């Protein structure tokens, strides 16, 4: 079984565990209500996706 020759420092181990490579999700404008929403997701404001109403909105 492989055994490390020397103890690896905390800094060296923590360098490998960074998530700086992750990108922020792209936001696009909803064609109906023009609010920002995630791509390929139902709009939370108006409940539409690809021009069709998917989620019925409750009137307040």
N, C-alpha and C. Protein backbone atom coordinates (compact mmCIF):
# COMPACT_ATOMS: atom_id res chain seq x y z
N UNK A 1 0.84 -1.18 0.00
CA UNK A 1 0.00 0.00 0.00
C UNK A 1 0.88 1.24 0.00
N UNK A 2 0.47 2.26 -0.73
CA UNK A 2 1.27 3.48 -0.85
C UNK A 2 1.19 4.29 0.44
N UNK A 3 2.35 4.75 0.88
CA UNK A 3 2.43 5.56 2.10
C UNK A 3 3.20 6.82 1.75
N UNK A 4 2.74 8.01 2.18
CA UNK A 4 3.47 9.23 1.86
C UNK A 4 4.84 9.25 2.54
N UNK A 5 5.84 9.75 1.83
CA UNK A 5 7.19 9.79 2.37
C UNK A 5 7.33 10.86 3.44
N UNK A 6 6.63 12.01 3.23
CA UNK A 6 6.64 13.10 4.20
C UNK A 6 5.24 13.58 4.46
N UNK A 7 5.04 14.20 5.60
CA UNK A 7 3.73 14.75 5.93
C UNK A 7 3.45 15.95 5.03
N UNK A 8 2.27 15.96 4.41
CA UNK A 8 1.91 17.12 3.59
C UNK A 8 1.29 18.17 4.50
N UNK A 9 1.68 19.42 4.27
CA UNK A 9 1.23 20.51 5.13
C UNK A 9 -0.25 20.80 4.91
N UNK A 10 -0.84 21.53 5.84
CA UNK A 10 -2.25 21.90 5.73
C UNK A 10 -2.48 22.79 4.52
N UNK A 11 -1.54 23.68 4.25
CA UNK A 11 -1.69 24.60 3.12
C UNK A 11 -1.70 23.83 1.80
N UNK A 12 -0.82 22.85 1.68
CA UNK A 12 -0.74 22.08 0.44
C UNK A 12 -2.03 21.29 0.20
N UNK A 13 -2.55 20.71 1.26
CA UNK A 13 -3.79 19.95 1.12
C UNK A 13 -4.97 20.85 0.82
N UNK A 14 -5.02 22.02 1.42
CA UNK A 14 -6.13 22.94 1.22
C UNK A 14 -6.09 23.61 -0.15
N UNK A 15 -4.89 23.67 -0.75
CA UNK A 15 -4.79 24.23 -2.10
C UNK A 15 -5.55 23.37 -3.10
N UNK A 16 -5.54 22.06 -2.88
CA UNK A 16 -6.23 21.16 -3.80
C UNK A 16 -7.74 21.25 -3.67
N UNK A 17 -8.22 21.72 -2.53
CA UNK A 17 -9.64 21.70 -2.26
C UNK A 17 -10.32 23.04 -2.53
N UNK A 18 -9.74 23.85 -3.39
CA UNK A 18 -10.35 25.13 -3.71
C UNK A 18 -11.40 24.93 -4.79
N UNK A 19 -12.40 25.80 -4.79
CA UNK A 19 -13.46 25.71 -5.79
C UNK A 19 -13.54 27.01 -6.57
N UNK A 20 -12.39 27.65 -6.75
CA UNK A 20 -12.37 28.89 -7.50
C UNK A 20 -12.69 28.66 -8.97
N UNK A 21 -12.64 27.41 -9.41
CA UNK A 21 -12.88 27.09 -10.81
C UNK A 21 -14.36 27.18 -11.18
N UNK A 22 -15.24 27.16 -10.17
CA UNK A 22 -16.67 27.22 -10.44
C UNK A 22 -17.04 28.59 -10.99
N UNK A 23 -17.97 28.61 -11.91
CA UNK A 23 -18.42 29.86 -12.50
C UNK A 23 -19.82 30.18 -11.99
N UNK A 24 -20.15 31.44 -12.04
CA UNK A 24 -21.50 31.83 -11.63
C UNK A 24 -22.48 31.42 -12.72
N UNK A 25 -23.72 31.09 -12.35
CA UNK A 25 -24.68 30.69 -13.37
C UNK A 25 -25.04 31.87 -14.27
N UNK A 26 -25.24 31.58 -15.55
CA UNK A 26 -25.61 32.63 -16.49
C UNK A 26 -27.06 33.03 -16.27
N UNK A 27 -27.30 34.32 -16.21
CA UNK A 27 -28.65 34.83 -16.07
C UNK A 27 -29.07 35.46 -17.39
N UNK A 28 -30.32 35.21 -17.77
CA UNK A 28 -30.87 35.77 -19.00
C UNK A 28 -32.17 36.48 -18.67
N UNK A 29 -32.61 37.33 -19.58
CA UNK A 29 -33.88 38.05 -19.40
C UNK A 29 -35.03 37.16 -19.84
N UNK A 30 -36.10 37.15 -19.05
CA UNK A 30 -37.32 36.42 -19.41
C UNK A 30 -37.99 37.17 -20.55
N UNK A 31 -38.41 36.48 -21.63
CA UNK A 31 -39.03 37.19 -22.75
C UNK A 31 -40.38 37.82 -22.40
N UNK A 32 -41.08 37.27 -21.39
CA UNK A 32 -42.39 37.81 -21.04
C UNK A 32 -42.30 38.99 -20.09
N UNK A 33 -41.64 38.79 -18.93
CA UNK A 33 -41.65 39.84 -17.89
C UNK A 33 -40.32 40.58 -17.78
N UNK A 34 -39.30 40.16 -18.52
CA UNK A 34 -37.99 40.82 -18.59
C UNK A 34 -37.24 40.87 -17.25
N UNK A 35 -37.49 39.93 -16.38
CA UNK A 35 -36.69 39.82 -15.16
C UNK A 35 -35.57 38.83 -15.40
N UNK A 36 -34.53 38.88 -14.59
CA UNK A 36 -33.42 37.95 -14.73
C UNK A 36 -33.81 36.59 -14.19
N UNK A 37 -33.45 35.55 -14.92
CA UNK A 37 -33.73 34.18 -14.50
C UNK A 37 -32.59 33.28 -14.98
N UNK A 38 -32.48 32.09 -14.41
CA UNK A 38 -31.47 31.13 -14.84
C UNK A 38 -31.85 30.54 -16.19
N UNK A 39 -30.86 30.19 -16.98
CA UNK A 39 -31.12 29.61 -18.30
C UNK A 39 -31.82 28.27 -18.15
N UNK A 40 -32.72 27.97 -19.08
CA UNK A 40 -33.42 26.69 -19.15
C UNK A 40 -34.21 26.38 -17.89
N UNK A 41 -34.72 27.40 -17.23
CA UNK A 41 -35.52 27.23 -16.03
C UNK A 41 -36.82 28.00 -16.19
N UNK A 42 -37.84 27.58 -15.45
CA UNK A 42 -39.11 28.30 -15.44
C UNK A 42 -38.89 29.62 -14.72
N UNK A 43 -39.47 30.69 -15.26
CA UNK A 43 -39.36 32.01 -14.65
C UNK A 43 -40.14 32.01 -13.34
N UNK A 44 -39.53 32.49 -12.27
CA UNK A 44 -40.19 32.50 -10.97
C UNK A 44 -41.23 33.60 -10.87
N UNK A 45 -41.09 34.64 -11.68
CA UNK A 45 -42.01 35.77 -11.61
C UNK A 45 -43.31 35.50 -12.35
N UNK A 46 -43.20 35.06 -13.61
CA UNK A 46 -44.42 34.90 -14.41
C UNK A 46 -44.79 33.43 -14.66
N UNK A 47 -43.90 32.48 -14.35
CA UNK A 47 -44.21 31.05 -14.48
C UNK A 47 -44.24 30.54 -15.91
N UNK A 48 -43.50 31.18 -16.82
CA UNK A 48 -43.48 30.74 -18.21
C UNK A 48 -42.15 30.08 -18.54
N UNK A 49 -42.20 29.20 -19.55
CA UNK A 49 -41.00 28.57 -20.07
C UNK A 49 -41.21 28.35 -21.56
N UNK A 50 -40.31 28.87 -22.38
CA UNK A 50 -40.39 28.79 -23.84
C UNK A 50 -41.71 29.35 -24.35
N UNK A 51 -42.15 30.44 -23.76
CA UNK A 51 -43.35 31.13 -24.24
C UNK A 51 -44.66 30.51 -23.80
N UNK A 52 -44.64 29.46 -23.00
CA UNK A 52 -45.87 28.81 -22.53
C UNK A 52 -45.94 28.93 -21.01
N UNK A 53 -47.16 29.12 -20.49
CA UNK A 53 -47.33 29.19 -19.05
C UNK A 53 -47.29 27.77 -18.49
N UNK A 54 -46.33 27.52 -17.64
CA UNK A 54 -46.12 26.20 -17.07
C UNK A 54 -46.67 26.14 -15.65
N UNK A 55 -46.44 27.19 -14.89
CA UNK A 55 -46.88 27.26 -13.50
C UNK A 55 -47.91 28.36 -13.40
N UNK A 56 -49.09 28.01 -12.91
CA UNK A 56 -50.13 29.03 -12.75
C UNK A 56 -49.79 29.92 -11.57
N UNK A 57 -49.87 31.23 -11.76
CA UNK A 57 -49.56 32.19 -10.71
C UNK A 57 -50.81 32.51 -9.92
N UNK A 58 -50.67 32.62 -8.60
CA UNK A 58 -51.79 32.94 -7.72
C UNK A 58 -51.91 34.45 -7.65
N UNK A 59 -53.12 34.98 -7.87
CA UNK A 59 -53.35 36.41 -7.79
C UNK A 59 -53.34 36.87 -6.33
N UNK A 60 -52.64 37.95 -6.07
CA UNK A 60 -52.55 38.44 -4.69
C UNK A 60 -53.54 39.56 -4.44
